[in-house]
């Protein structure tokens, strides 16, 4: 498990850098937003990988808390990503950004409100949300952000696929959703973090492919 965790973390880093490089070359918002989401997923994977070498402690706990904060702060960027890919009118895009800002603010609050407990699965030590101690409103927001934006991404991806013959946005959302739901569906609750990492990796891969094809279409 440790070797595979580090390998997936490295691949997340690779696609994040490719998206940031695409933004540097094009100065377009789409690859920047995707790169920011990819950064959050990379940080998530990094914390899990560090759990194979670090011991329980205050520093690791603090770094792990920011894993929840970044997740809640960056996943809502899927909404403007969808708006850009759908070519919605400027007024609609502005409304999407306002809603996204409000969701991000509530998500950051939910992330900081998370109460962590140390868990050990195999050779991996990680900090997870402690059931019963993390406020219900925080868990509700985090659960909503884990699935809501991804469902919007899937639906938007279908429309983009039909309109633009670009299936990659749909695949990024679909695979993320499938792997996130696979753990609970199979009863492997202790391995949810590990199984969902595959979905996160597929998300950033297909983000890169979607942005590349979209920008090529517009040039």
Foldseek 3Di string as FASTA:
>chain_A
DLVVLVVLLVLLVVLLVVLVVVCVVVVDVLSVLLSLQSVLLSLLSVLFSCQLPDDDDDVSVVSQLVNQLSLQQRLLSLQLNLCVLLVPDPVVSVVSVVVSVVSNVLSNVLSNQFDWDWDDDPSGIHIDGDPPRRDPSSVVSSVCSQQVSLVVQLVSLVVSCVPPVQNLSNQLSVLLVCQLVVCVVVVVVVCSSVSNSVSSSSNSVSSSVRVVSVVVVVD
